[in-house]
Amino acid sequence: AEELFKATEIIHSEVIGSNKGGLIVGFGHLRGF
């Protein structure tokens, strides 16, 4: 994730959930918001 952040690359992530503030997406064994 840190490498992709520094490289400003675009990724494809599946939406696995949601809450009042937005979406939860999968990133390997992590969860992104």
PDB file of all heavy atoms in Angstrom:
ATOM      1  N   ALA A   1       0.831  -1.206   0.000  1.00  0.00           N
ATOM      2  CA  ALA A   1       0.000   0.000   0.000  1.00  0.00           C
ATOM      3  C   ALA A   1       0.864   1.254   0.000  1.00  0.00           C
ATOM      4  O   ALA A   1       0.569   2.243  -0.706  1.00  0.00           O
ATOM      5  CB  ALA A   1      -0.932  -0.013   1.206  1.00  0.00           C
ATOM      6  N   GLU A   2       1.943   1.239   0.779  1.00  0.00           N
ATOM      7  CA  GLU A   2       2.838   2.397   0.823  1.00  0.00           C
ATOM      8  C   GLU A   2       3.531   2.614  -0.516  1.00  0.00           C
ATOM      9  O   GLU A   2       3.719   3.753  -0.960  1.00  0.00           O
ATOM     10  CB  GLU A   2       3.869   2.202   1.941  1.00  0.00           C
ATOM     11  CG  GLU A   2       3.264   2.307   3.343  1.00  0.00           C
ATOM     12  CD  GLU A   2       4.280   2.045   4.444  1.00  0.00           C
ATOM     13  OE1 GLU A   2       5.376   1.522   4.116  1.00  0.00           O
ATOM     14  OE2 GLU A   2       3.983   2.353   5.616  1.00  0.00           O
ATOM     15  N   GLU A   3       3.903   1.531  -1.185  1.00  0.00           N
ATOM     16  CA  GLU A   3       4.532   1.639  -2.504  1.00  0.00           C
ATOM     17  C   GLU A   3       3.568   2.245  -3.526  1.00  0.00           C
ATOM     18  O   GLU A   3       3.940   3.121  -4.309  1.00  0.00           O
ATOM     19  CB  GLU A   3       4.989   0.258  -2.975  1.00  0.00           C
ATOM     20  CG  GLU A   3       6.152  -0.320  -2.182  1.00  0.00           C
ATOM     21  CD  GLU A   3       6.479  -1.741  -2.617  1.00  0.00           C
ATOM     22  OE1 GLU A   3       5.842  -2.225  -3.576  1.00  0.00           O
ATOM     23  OE2 GLU A   3       7.364  -2.369  -2.011  1.00  0.00           O
ATOM     24  N   LEU A   4       2.320   1.769  -3.511  1.00  0.00           N
ATOM     25  CA  LEU A   4       1.324   2.282  -4.445  1.00  0.00           C
ATOM     26  C   LEU A   4       0.985   3.739  -4.149  1.00  0.00           C
ATOM     27  O   LEU A   4       0.731   4.528  -5.064  1.00  0.00           O
ATOM     28  CB  LEU A   4       0.052   1.428  -4.373  1.00  0.00           C
ATOM     29  CG  LEU A   4       0.187  -0.015  -4.879  1.00  0.00           C
ATOM     30  CD1 LEU A   4      -1.066  -0.823  -4.560  1.00  0.00           C
ATOM     31  CD2 LEU A   4       0.441  -0.029  -6.388  1.00  0.00           C
ATOM     32  N   PHE A   5       0.972   4.097  -2.873  1.00  0.00           N
ATOM     33  CA  PHE A   5       0.699   5.475  -2.477  1.00  0.00           C
ATOM     34  C   PHE A   5       1.777   6.411  -3.016  1.00  0.00           C
ATOM     35  O   PHE A   5       1.482   7.475  -3.571  1.00  0.00           O
ATOM     36  CB  PHE A   5       0.605   5.563  -0.960  1.00  0.00           C
ATOM     37  CG  PHE A   5       0.497   6.972  -0.439  1.00  0.00           C
ATOM     38  CD1 PHE A   5      -0.620   7.742  -0.692  1.00  0.00           C
ATOM     39  CD2 PHE A   5       1.543   7.532   0.299  1.00  0.00           C
ATOM     40  CE1 PHE A   5      -0.717   9.044  -0.218  1.00  0.00           C
ATOM     41  CE2 PHE A   5       1.454   8.831   0.777  1.00  0.00           C
ATOM     42  CZ  PHE A   5       0.321   9.591   0.516  1.00  0.00           C
ATOM     43  N   LYS A   6       3.033   6.018  -2.866  1.00  0.00           N
ATOM     44  CA  LYS A   6       4.149   6.836  -3.350  1.00  0.00           C
ATOM     45  C   LYS A   6       4.166   6.914  -4.875  1.00  0.00           C
ATOM     46  O   LYS A   6       4.528   7.936  -5.454  1.00  0.00           O
ATOM     47  CB  LYS A   6       5.475   6.271  -2.842  1.00  0.00           C
ATOM     48  CG  LYS A   6       5.639   6.385  -1.326  1.00  0.00           C
ATOM     49  CD  LYS A   6       6.942   5.739  -0.873  1.00  0.00           C
ATOM     50  CE  LYS A   6       7.104   5.819   0.644  1.00  0.00           C
ATOM     51  NZ  LYS A   6       8.356   5.148   1.111  1.00  0.00           N
ATOM     52  N   ALA A   7       3.771   5.820  -5.520  1.00  0.00           N
ATOM     53  CA  ALA A   7       3.779   5.774  -6.992  1.00  0.00           C
ATOM     54  C   ALA A   7       2.529   6.391  -7.600  1.00  0.00           C
ATOM     55  O   ALA A   7       2.439   6.529  -8.828  1.00  0.00           O
ATOM     56  CB  ALA A   7       3.914   4.329  -7.464  1.00  0.00           C
ATOM     57  N   THR A   8       1.549   6.771  -6.748  1.00  0.00           N
ATOM     58  CA  THR A   8       0.264   7.339  -7.189  1.00  0.00           C
ATOM     59  C   THR A   8      -0.426   6.458  -8.231  1.00  0.00           C
ATOM     60  O   THR A   8      -1.030   6.964  -9.172  1.00  0.00           O
ATOM     61  CB  THR A   8       0.438   8.763  -7.742  1.00  0.00           C
ATOM     62  OG1 THR A   8       1.190   8.721  -8.962  1.00  0.00           O
ATOM     63  CG2 THR A   8       1.125   9.668  -6.732  1.00  0.00           C
ATOM     64  N   GLU A   9      -0.300   5.157  -8.062  1.00  0.00           N
ATOM     65  CA  GLU A   9      -0.907   4.236  -9.021  1.00  0.00           C
ATOM     66  C   GLU A   9      -2.383   4.008  -8.717  1.00  0.00           C
ATOM     67  O   GLU A   9      -2.828   4.135  -7.575  1.00  0.00           O
ATOM     68  CB  GLU A   9      -0.166   2.892  -9.012  1.00  0.00           C
ATOM     69  CG  GLU A   9       1.224   2.957  -9.604  1.00  0.00           C
ATOM     70  CD  GLU A   9       1.826   1.571  -9.777  1.00  0.00           C
ATOM     71  OE1 GLU A   9       1.051   0.598  -9.819  1.00  0.00           O
ATOM     72  OE2 GLU A   9       3.061   1.475  -9.870  1.00  0.00           O
ATOM     73  N   ILE A  10      -3.125   3.635  -9.760  1.00  0.00           N
ATOM     74  CA  ILE A  10      -4.545   3.332  -9.623  1.00  0.00           C
ATOM     75  C   ILE A  10      -4.708   1.833  -9.424  1.00  0.00           C
ATOM     76  O   ILE A  10      -4.062   1.034 -10.101  1.00  0.00           O
ATOM     77  CB  ILE A  10      -5.325   3.798 -10.872  1.00  0.00           C
ATOM     78  CG1 ILE A  10      -5.272   5.331 -10.960  1.00  0.00           C
ATOM     79  CG2 ILE A  10      -6.770   3.317 -10.830  1.00  0.00           C
ATOM     80  CD1 ILE A  10      -5.856   5.882 -12.226  1.00  0.00           C
ATOM     81  N   ILE A  11      -5.564   1.463  -8.488  1.00  0.00           N
ATOM     82  CA  ILE A  11      -5.803   0.051  -8.201  1.00  0.00           C
ATOM     83  C   ILE A  11      -7.281  -0.267  -8.383  1.00  0.00           C
ATOM     84  O   ILE A  11      -8.124   0.629  -8.472  1.00  0.00           O
ATOM     85  CB  ILE A  11      -5.372  -0.315  -6.764  1.00  0.00           C
ATOM     86  CG1 ILE A  11      -6.240   0.448  -5.748  1.00  0.00           C
ATOM     87  CG2 ILE A  11      -3.905  -0.013  -6.549  1.00  0.00           C
ATOM     88  CD1 ILE A  11      -5.998   0.011  -4.312  1.00  0.00           C
ATOM     89  N   HIS A  12      -7.589  -1.548  -8.433  1.00  0.00           N
ATOM     90  CA  HIS A  12      -8.967  -2.019  -8.517  1.00  0.00           C
ATOM     91  C   HIS A  12      -9.287  -2.781  -7.241  1.00  0.00           C
ATOM     92  O   HIS A  12      -8.599  -3.753  -6.903  1.00  0.00           O
ATOM     93  CB  HIS A  12      -9.163  -2.930  -9.725  1.00  0.00           C
ATOM     94  CG  HIS A  12      -8.976  -2.233 -11.037  1.00  0.00           C
ATOM     95  ND1 HIS A  12      -7.734  -1.891 -11.533  1.00  0.00           N
ATOM     96  CD2 HIS A  12      -9.877  -1.797 -11.961  1.00  0.00           C
ATOM     97  CE1 HIS A  12      -7.875  -1.289 -12.702  1.00  0.00           C
ATOM     98  NE2 HIS A  12      -9.159  -1.212 -12.979  1.00  0.00           N
ATOM     99  N   SER A  13     -10.310  -2.337  -6.520  1.00  0.00           N
ATOM    100  CA  SER A  13     -10.698  -2.987  -5.268  1.00  0.00           C
ATOM    101  C   SER A  13     -12.198  -3.251  -5.255  1.00  0.00           C
ATOM    102  O   SER A  13     -12.987  -2.439  -5.737  1.00  0.00           O
ATOM    103  CB  SER A  13     -10.324  -2.119  -4.066  1.00  0.00           C
ATOM    104  OG  SER A  13      -8.924  -1.994  -3.947  1.00  0.00           O
ATOM    105  N   GLU A  14     -12.554  -4.390  -4.661  1.00  0.00           N
ATOM    106  CA  GLU A  14     -13.964  -4.760  -4.561  1.00  0.00           C
ATOM    107  C   GLU A  14     -14.572  -4.168  -3.290  1.00  0.00           C
ATOM    108  O   GLU A  14     -13.967  -4.190  -2.221  1.00  0.00           O
ATOM    109  CB  GLU A  14     -14.125  -6.276  -4.545  1.00  0.00           C
ATOM    110  CG  GLU A  14     -15.583  -6.721  -4.486  1.00  0.00           C
ATOM    111  CD  GLU A  14     -15.729  -8.232  -4.431  1.00  0.00           C
ATOM    112  OE1 GLU A  14     -14.700  -8.929  -4.606  1.00  0.00           O
ATOM    113  OE2 GLU A  14     -16.846  -8.707  -4.199  1.00  0.00           O
ATOM    114  N   VAL A  15     -15.785  -3.650  -3.439  1.00  0.00           N
ATOM    115  CA  VAL A  15     -16.517  -3.112  -2.290  1.00  0.00           C
ATOM    116  C   VAL A  15     -17.072  -4.283  -1.490  1.00  0.00           C
ATOM    117  O   VAL A  15     -17.834  -5.101  -2.018  1.00  0.00           O
ATOM    118  CB  VAL A  15     -17.657  -2.187  -2.737  1.00  0.00           C
ATOM    119  CG1 VAL A  15     -18.410  -1.646  -1.524  1.00  0.00           C
ATOM    120  CG2 VAL A  15     -17.116  -1.043  -3.590  1.00  0.00           C
ATOM    121  N   ILE A  16     -16.681  -4.376  -0.212  1.00  0.00           N
ATOM    122  CA  ILE A  16     -17.118  -5.511   0.613  1.00  0.00           C
ATOM    123  C   ILE A  16     -18.073  -5.087   1.716  1.00  0.00           C
ATOM    124  O   ILE A  16     -18.619  -5.932   2.436  1.00  0.00           O
ATOM    125  CB  ILE A  16     -15.907  -6.242   1.236  1.00  0.00           C
ATOM    126  CG1 ILE A  16     -15.073  -5.280   2.083  1.00  0.00           C
ATOM    127  CG2 ILE A  16     -15.053  -6.866   0.138  1.00  0.00           C
ATOM    128  CD1 ILE A  16     -13.894  -5.948   2.787  1.00  0.00           C
ATOM    129  N   GLY A  17     -18.292  -3.792   1.860  1.00  0.00           N
ATOM    130  CA  GLY A  17     -19.218  -3.340   2.895  1.00  0.00           C
ATOM    131  C   GLY A  17     -19.398  -1.839   2.841  1.00  0.00           C
ATOM    132  O   GLY A  17     -18.791  -1.144   2.018  1.00  0.00           O
ATOM    133  N   SER A  18     -20.248  -1.330   3.733  1.00  0.00           N
ATOM    134  CA  SER A  18     -20.491   0.103   3.779  1.00  0.00           C
ATOM    135  C   SER A  18     -20.906   0.507   5.186  1.00  0.00           C
ATOM    136  O   SER A  18     -21.325  -0.332   6.001  1.00  0.00           O
ATOM    137  CB  SER A  18     -21.583   0.501   2.773  1.00  0.00           C
ATOM    138  OG  SER A  18     -22.838  -0.033   3.167  1.00  0.00           O
ATOM    139  N   ASN A  19     -20.773   1.779   5.461  1.00  0.00           N
ATOM    140  CA  ASN A  19     -21.304   2.344   6.692  1.00  0.00           C
ATOM    141  C   ASN A  19     -21.811   3.745   6.377  1.00  0.00           C
ATOM    142  O   ASN A  19     -21.845   4.141   5.206  1.00  0.00           O
ATOM    143  CB  ASN A  19     -20.255   2.337   7.814  1.00  0.00           C
ATOM    144  CG  ASN A  19     -18.989   3.069   7.416  1.00  0.00           C
ATOM    145  OD1 ASN A  19     -19.026   4.076   6.714  1.00  0.00           O
ATOM    146  ND2 ASN A  19     -17.847   2.558   7.861  1.00  0.00           N
ATOM    147  N   LYS A  20     -22.171   4.489   7.388  1.00  0.00           N
ATOM    148  CA  LYS A  20     -22.759   5.800   7.150  1.00  0.00           C
ATOM    149  C   LYS A  20     -21.798   6.747   6.446  1.00  0.00           C
ATOM    150  O   LYS A  20     -22.205   7.637   5.704  1.00  0.00           O
ATOM    151  CB  LYS A  20     -23.208   6.408   8.481  1.00  0.00           C
ATOM    152  CG  LYS A  20     -23.998   7.702   8.328  1.00  0.00           C
ATOM    153  CD  LYS A  20     -24.488   8.199   9.663  1.00  0.00           C
ATOM    154  CE  LYS A  20     -25.285   9.485   9.493  1.00  0.00           C
ATOM    155  NZ  LYS A  20     -25.793   9.999  10.783  1.00  0.00           N
ATOM    156  N   GLY A  21     -20.492   6.538   6.683  1.00  0.00           N
ATOM    157  CA  GLY A  21     -19.517   7.468   6.105  1.00  0.00           C
ATOM    158  C   GLY A  21     -19.046   7.140   4.717  1.00  0.00           C
ATOM    159  O   GLY A  21     -18.511   8.009   4.020  1.00  0.00           O
ATOM    160  N   GLY A  22     -19.215   5.884   4.281  1.00  0.00           N
ATOM    161  CA  GLY A  22     -18.727   5.539   2.951  1.00  0.00           C
ATOM    162  C   GLY A  22     -18.628   4.045   2.735  1.00  0.00           C
ATOM    163  O   GLY A  22     -19.450   3.278   3.259  1.00  0.00           O
ATOM    164  N   LEU A  23     -17.615   3.623   2.012  1.00  0.00           N
ATOM    165  CA  LEU A  23     -17.485   2.224   1.605  1.00  0.00           C
ATOM    166  C   LEU A  23     -16.259   1.572   2.220  1.00  0.00           C
ATOM    167  O   LEU A  23     -15.234   2.218   2.445  1.00  0.00           O
ATOM    168  CB  LEU A  23     -17.386   2.126   0.081  1.00  0.00           C
ATOM    169  CG  LEU A  23     -18.546   2.670  -0.741  1.00  0.00           C
ATOM    170  CD1 LEU A  23     -18.214   2.549  -2.223  1.00  0.00           C
ATOM    171  CD2 LEU A  23     -19.827   1.927  -0.430  1.00  0.00           C
ATOM    172  N   ILE A  24     -16.362   0.273   2.439  1.00  0.00           N
ATOM    173  CA  ILE A  24     -15.232  -0.538   2.884  1.00  0.00           C
ATOM    174  C   ILE A  24     -14.818  -1.425   1.710  1.00  0.00           C
ATOM    175  O   ILE A  24     -15.663  -2.091   1.101  1.00  0.00           O
ATOM    176  CB  ILE A  24     -15.625  -1.410   4.092  1.00  0.00           C
ATOM    177  CG1 ILE A  24     -16.072  -0.521   5.245  1.00  0.00           C
ATOM    178  CG2 ILE A  24     -14.454  -2.290   4.523  1.00  0.00           C
ATOM    179  CD1 ILE A  24     -16.734  -1.282   6.376  1.00  0.00           C
ATOM    180  N   VAL A  25     -13.529  -1.392   1.375  1.00  0.00           N
ATOM    181  CA  VAL A  25     -13.043  -2.159   0.230  1.00  0.00           C
ATOM    182  C   VAL A  25     -11.926  -3.095   0.680  1.00  0.00           C
ATOM    183  O   VAL A  25     -11.250  -2.842   1.684  1.00  0.00           O
ATOM    184  CB  VAL A  25     -12.523  -1.235  -0.898  1.00  0.00           C
ATOM    185  CG1 VAL A  25     -13.648  -0.366  -1.442  1.00  0.00           C
ATOM    186  CG2 VAL A  25     -11.371  -0.359  -0.399  1.00  0.00           C
ATOM    187  N   GLY A  26     -11.756  -4.172  -0.066  1.00  0.00           N
ATOM    188  CA  GLY A  26     -10.707  -5.124   0.249  1.00  0.00           C
ATOM    189  C   GLY A  26      -9.390  -4.735  -0.395  1.00  0.00           C
ATOM    190  O   GLY A  26      -9.355  -4.255  -1.533  1.00  0.00           O
ATOM    191  N   PHE A  27      -8.309  -4.937   0.370  1.00  0.00           N
ATOM    192  CA  PHE A  27      -6.960  -4.714  -0.158  1.00  0.00           C
ATOM    193  C   PHE A  27      -6.081  -5.816   0.415  1.00  0.00           C
ATOM    194  O   PHE A  27      -5.491  -5.680   1.484  1.00  0.00           O
ATOM    195  CB  PHE A  27      -6.432  -3.336   0.245  1.00  0.00           C
ATOM    196  CG  PHE A  27      -5.091  -3.000  -0.345  1.00  0.00           C
ATOM    197  CD1 PHE A  27      -4.994  -2.488  -1.629  1.00  0.00           C
ATOM    198  CD2 PHE A  27      -3.934  -3.221   0.372  1.00  0.00           C
ATOM    199  CE1 PHE A  27      -3.758  -2.190  -2.177  1.00  0.00           C
ATOM    200  CE2 PHE A  27      -2.686  -2.937  -0.163  1.00  0.00           C
ATOM    201  CZ  PHE A  27      -2.596  -2.416  -1.448  1.00  0.00           C
ATOM    202  N   GLY A  28      -6.049  -6.947  -0.273  1.00  0.00           N
ATOM    203  CA  GLY A  28      -5.332  -8.106   0.254  1.00  0.00           C
ATOM    204  C   GLY A  28      -5.955  -8.543   1.562  1.00  0.00           C
ATOM    205  O   GLY A  28      -7.149  -8.834   1.635  1.00  0.00           O
ATOM    206  N   HIS A  29      -5.128  -8.565   2.629  1.00  0.00           N
ATOM    207  CA  HIS A  29      -5.615  -8.933   3.952  1.00  0.00           C
ATOM    208  C   HIS A  29      -5.982  -7.705   4.781  1.00  0.00           C
ATOM    209  O   HIS A  29      -6.205  -7.806   5.990  1.00  0.00           O
ATOM    210  CB  HIS A  29      -4.556  -9.766   4.686  1.00  0.00           C
ATOM    211  CG  HIS A  29      -4.359 -11.119   4.082  1.00  0.00           C
ATOM    212  ND1 HIS A  29      -3.620 -11.321   2.945  1.00  0.00           N
ATOM    213  CD2 HIS A  29      -4.835 -12.347   4.441  1.00  0.00           C
ATOM    214  CE1 HIS A  29      -3.616 -12.607   2.625  1.00  0.00           C
ATOM    215  NE2 HIS A  29      -4.350 -13.250   3.528  1.00  0.00           N
ATOM    216  N   LEU A  30      -6.055  -6.559   4.112  1.00  0.00           N
ATOM    217  CA  LEU A  30      -6.417  -5.315   4.788  1.00  0.00           C
ATOM    218  C   LEU A  30      -7.780  -4.847   4.330  1.00  0.00           C
ATOM    219  O   LEU A  30      -8.316  -5.323   3.325  1.00  0.00           O
ATOM    220  CB  LEU A  30      -5.383  -4.219   4.491  1.00  0.00           C
ATOM    221  CG  LEU A  30      -3.923  -4.537   4.790  1.00  0.00           C
ATOM    222  CD1 LEU A  30      -3.056  -3.354   4.372  1.00  0.00           C
ATOM    223  CD2 LEU A  30      -3.727  -4.863   6.267  1.00  0.00           C
ATOM    224  N   ARG A  31      -8.304  -3.910   5.081  1.00  0.00           N
ATOM    225  CA  ARG A  31      -9.546  -3.257   4.692  1.00  0.00           C
ATOM    226  C   ARG A  31      -9.268  -1.770   4.513  1.00  0.00           C
ATOM    227  O   ARG A  31      -8.651  -1.146   5.380  1.00  0.00           O
ATOM    228  CB  ARG A  31     -10.636  -3.459   5.759  1.00  0.00           C
ATOM    229  CG  ARG A  31     -11.204  -4.856   5.776  1.00  0.00           C
ATOM    230  CD  ARG A  31     -12.434  -4.910   6.642  1.00  0.00           C
ATOM    231  NE  ARG A  31     -13.124  -6.190   6.540  1.00  0.00           N
ATOM    232  CZ  ARG A  31     -14.353  -6.417   6.994  1.00  0.00           C
ATOM    233  NH1 ARG A  31     -15.025  -5.442   7.604  1.00  0.00           N
ATOM    234  NH2 ARG A  31     -14.903  -7.590   6.858  1.00  0.00           N
ATOM    235  N   GLY A  32      -9.707  -1.260   3.378  1.00  0.00           N
ATOM    236  CA  GLY A  32      -9.552   0.161   3.122  1.00  0.00           C
ATOM    237  C   GLY A  32     -10.892   0.858   3.217  1.00  0.00           C
ATOM    238  O   GLY A  32     -11.948   0.221   3.137  1.00  0.00           O
ATOM    239  N   PHE A  33     -10.836   2.173   3.373  1.00  0.00           N
ATOM    240  CA  PHE A  33     -12.068   2.955   3.507  1.00  0.00           C
ATOM    241  C   PHE A  33     -12.108   4.039   2.434  1.00  0.00           C
ATOM    242  O   PHE A  33     -11.114   4.751   2.218  1.00  0.00           O
ATOM    243  CB  PHE A  33     -12.146   3.587   4.892  1.00  0.00           C
ATOM    244  CG  PHE A  33     -13.398   4.391   5.119  1.00  0.00           C
ATOM    245  CD1 PHE A  33     -14.649   3.778   5.135  1.00  0.00           C
ATOM    246  CD2 PHE A  33     -13.333   5.763   5.320  1.00  0.00           C
ATOM    247  CE1 PHE A  33     -15.808   4.510   5.339  1.00  0.00           C
ATOM    248  CE2 PHE A  33     -14.485   6.510   5.528  1.00  0.00           C
ATOM    249  CZ  PHE A  33     -15.720   5.878   5.542  1.00  0.00           C
TER     250      PHE A  33
END
